[in-house]
Amino acid sequence: KSATSADQFVSPGPGEIEVHIEELVLHGFDPRSRWSVADAVQSELRGLLSAKGLPAGWQMSAEKISAGRVNLTNLPNAGREIAAAIYEGGQS
């Protein structure tokens, strides 16, 4: 559910989901890069969900999905690699 005010919640429309990432810890990256990495993760995850649909694990238990530990190769690919780990975490 998405919050529209402190007291009111609305459900996403048909065919829509909302993903909330509680914590994303990035070691070894410049803190100023955090928003660009977050934007890239959002974009890549949106693309995966649009192309492949909702992972089975998300449908069974969407309360907590662990992406595990991801060893990133470089900043330009960070969003793609993190999104893939989140998506694959929902496949179990």
C-alpha atoms as a PDB file:
ATOM      1  CA  LYS A   1       0.000   0.000   0.000  1.00  0.00           C
ATOM      2  CA  SER A   2       1.179   3.496  -0.650  1.00  0.00           C
ATOM      3  CA  ALA A   3       0.717   6.343   1.771  1.00  0.00           C
ATOM      4  CA  THR A   4      -1.080   9.438   0.541  1.00  0.00           C
ATOM      5  CA  SER A   5      -1.174  11.093   3.965  1.00  0.00           C
ATOM      6  CA  ALA A   6      -0.413  10.151   7.527  1.00  0.00           C
ATOM      7  CA  ASP A   7      -3.827   8.498   7.969  1.00  0.00           C
ATOM      8  CA  GLN A   8      -4.874   7.421   4.470  1.00  0.00           C
ATOM      9  CA  PHE A   9      -3.598   4.490   2.422  1.00  0.00           C
ATOM     10  CA  VAL A  10      -4.529   3.452  -1.105  1.00  0.00           C
ATOM     11  CA  SER A  11      -3.844   0.164  -2.816  1.00  0.00           C
ATOM     12  CA  PRO A  12      -1.961   0.140  -6.104  1.00  0.00           C
ATOM     13  CA  GLY A  13      -4.226  -0.199  -9.148  1.00  0.00           C
ATOM     14  CA  PRO A  14      -4.667  -3.400 -11.156  1.00  0.00           C
ATOM     15  CA  GLY A  15      -1.386  -4.586 -12.597  1.00  0.00           C
ATOM     16  CA  GLU A  16       0.584  -2.339 -10.252  1.00  0.00           C
ATOM     17  CA  ILE A  17       2.802  -3.219  -7.326  1.00  0.00           C
ATOM     18  CA  GLU A  18       4.766  -1.114  -4.924  1.00  0.00           C
ATOM     19  CA  VAL A  19       8.183  -2.256  -3.777  1.00  0.00           C
ATOM     20  CA  HIS A  20       9.709  -0.798  -0.635  1.00  0.00           C
ATOM     21  CA  ILE A  21      13.408  -1.410  -0.063  1.00  0.00           C
ATOM     22  CA  GLU A  22      14.010  -1.072   3.651  1.00  0.00           C
ATOM     23  CA  GLU A  23      17.776  -0.992   3.496  1.00  0.00           C
ATOM     24  CA  LEU A  24      20.396  -0.906   0.780  1.00  0.00           C
ATOM     25  CA  VAL A  25      23.943  -0.891   2.117  1.00  0.00           C
ATOM     26  CA  LEU A  26      26.707   0.034  -0.304  1.00  0.00           C
ATOM     27  CA  HIS A  27      30.287  -0.374   0.851  1.00  0.00           C
ATOM     28  CA  GLY A  28      33.086   1.177  -1.151  1.00  0.00           C
ATOM     29  CA  PHE A  29      30.953   3.684  -3.068  1.00  0.00           C
ATOM     30  CA  ASP A  30      31.048   7.450  -2.745  1.00  0.00           C
ATOM     31  CA  PRO A  31      28.035   8.453  -0.580  1.00  0.00           C
ATOM     32  CA  ARG A  32      27.182  11.097  -3.187  1.00  0.00           C
ATOM     33  CA  SER A  33      26.398   8.237  -5.590  1.00  0.00           C
ATOM     34  CA  ARG A  34      23.598   6.816  -3.443  1.00  0.00           C
ATOM     35  CA  TRP A  35      20.732   8.514  -5.308  1.00  0.00           C
ATOM     36  CA  SER A  36      22.039   7.602  -8.747  1.00  0.00           C
ATOM     37  CA  VAL A  37      22.422   3.973  -7.622  1.00  0.00           C
ATOM     38  CA  ALA A  38      18.910   3.998  -6.099  1.00  0.00           C
ATOM     39  CA  ASP A  39      17.462   5.449  -9.310  1.00  0.00           C
ATOM     40  CA  ALA A  40      19.268   2.820 -11.376  1.00  0.00           C
ATOM     41  CA  VAL A  41      17.974   0.010  -9.130  1.00  0.00           C
ATOM     42  CA  GLN A  42      14.431   1.341  -9.471  1.00  0.00           C
ATOM     43  CA  SER A  43      14.679   1.594 -13.242  1.00  0.00           C
ATOM     44  CA  GLU A  44      16.260  -1.836 -13.680  1.00  0.00           C
ATOM     45  CA  LEU A  45      13.811  -3.537 -11.308  1.00  0.00           C
ATOM     46  CA  ARG A  46      10.895  -1.917 -13.124  1.00  0.00           C
ATOM     47  CA  GLY A  47      12.288  -3.274 -16.390  1.00  0.00           C
ATOM     48  CA  LEU A  48      12.686  -6.798 -14.993  1.00  0.00           C
ATOM     49  CA  LEU A  49       9.158  -6.824 -13.585  1.00  0.00           C
ATOM     50  CA  SER A  50       7.723  -5.518 -16.858  1.00  0.00           C
ATOM     51  CA  ALA A  51       9.624  -8.036 -18.975  1.00  0.00           C
ATOM     52  CA  LYS A  52       9.432 -11.127 -16.771  1.00  0.00           C
ATOM     53  CA  GLY A  53       6.485 -10.515 -14.475  1.00  0.00           C
ATOM     54  CA  LEU A  54       6.227 -10.999 -10.752  1.00  0.00           C
ATOM     55  CA  PRO A  55       8.554 -13.696  -9.343  1.00  0.00           C
ATOM     56  CA  ALA A  56       6.754 -16.652  -7.747  1.00  0.00           C
ATOM     57  CA  GLY A  57       8.381 -15.982  -4.367  1.00  0.00           C
ATOM     58  CA  TRP A  58       6.933 -12.474  -4.295  1.00  0.00           C
ATOM     59  CA  GLN A  59       3.447 -13.856  -4.823  1.00  0.00           C
ATOM     60  CA  MET A  60       3.779 -16.407  -2.017  1.00  0.00           C
ATOM     61  CA  SER A  61       5.530 -14.258   0.590  1.00  0.00           C
ATOM     62  CA  ALA A  62       6.226 -10.657  -0.281  1.00  0.00           C
ATOM     63  CA  GLU A  63       6.838  -9.497   3.284  1.00  0.00           C
ATOM     64  CA  LYS A  64      10.586  -9.972   3.061  1.00  0.00           C
ATOM     65  CA  ILE A  65      12.766 -10.763   0.082  1.00  0.00           C
ATOM     66  CA  SER A  66      16.491 -11.029   0.580  1.00  0.00           C
ATOM     67  CA  ALA A  67      18.831 -10.121  -2.231  1.00  0.00           C
ATOM     68  CA  GLY A  68      21.709 -11.509  -0.202  1.00  0.00           C
ATOM     69  CA  ARG A  69      25.184 -10.159  -0.673  1.00  0.00           C
ATOM     70  CA  VAL A  70      26.016  -8.732  -4.097  1.00  0.00           C
ATOM     71  CA  ASN A  71      29.613  -8.219  -5.167  1.00  0.00           C
ATOM     72  CA  LEU A  72      29.369  -5.284  -7.541  1.00  0.00           C
ATOM     73  CA  THR A  73      31.794  -4.896 -10.389  1.00  0.00           C
ATOM     74  CA  ASN A  74      31.451  -1.136 -10.910  1.00  0.00           C
ATOM     75  CA  LEU A  75      29.103   1.806 -10.407  1.00  0.00           C
ATOM     76  CA  PRO A  76      27.617   1.910 -13.934  1.00  0.00           C
ATOM     77  CA  ASN A  77      26.417  -1.702 -13.528  1.00  0.00           C
ATOM     78  CA  ALA A  78      25.445  -1.425  -9.851  1.00  0.00           C
ATOM     79  CA  GLY A  79      21.747  -0.762 -10.509  1.00  0.00           C
ATOM     80  CA  ARG A  80      21.454  -3.709 -12.885  1.00  0.00           C
ATOM     81  CA  GLU A  81      23.296  -6.094 -10.558  1.00  0.00           C
ATOM     82  CA  ILE A  82      21.348  -5.073  -7.438  1.00  0.00           C
ATOM     83  CA  ALA A  83      17.990  -5.235  -9.247  1.00  0.00           C
ATOM     84  CA  ALA A  84      18.835  -8.693 -10.587  1.00  0.00           C
ATOM     85  CA  ALA A  85      19.695  -9.890  -7.071  1.00  0.00           C
ATOM     86  CA  ILE A  86      16.417  -8.506  -5.687  1.00  0.00           C
ATOM     87  CA  TYR A  87      14.427 -10.086  -8.505  1.00  0.00           C
ATOM     88  CA  GLU A  88      16.195 -13.439  -8.156  1.00  0.00           C
ATOM     89  CA  GLY A  89      15.635 -13.311  -4.386  1.00  0.00           C
ATOM     90  CA  GLY A  90      11.926 -13.442  -5.130  1.00  0.00           C
ATOM     91  CA  GLN A  91      12.254 -16.549  -7.284  1.00  0.00           C
ATOM     92  CA  SER A  92      12.770 -18.920  -4.372  1.00  0.00           C
END
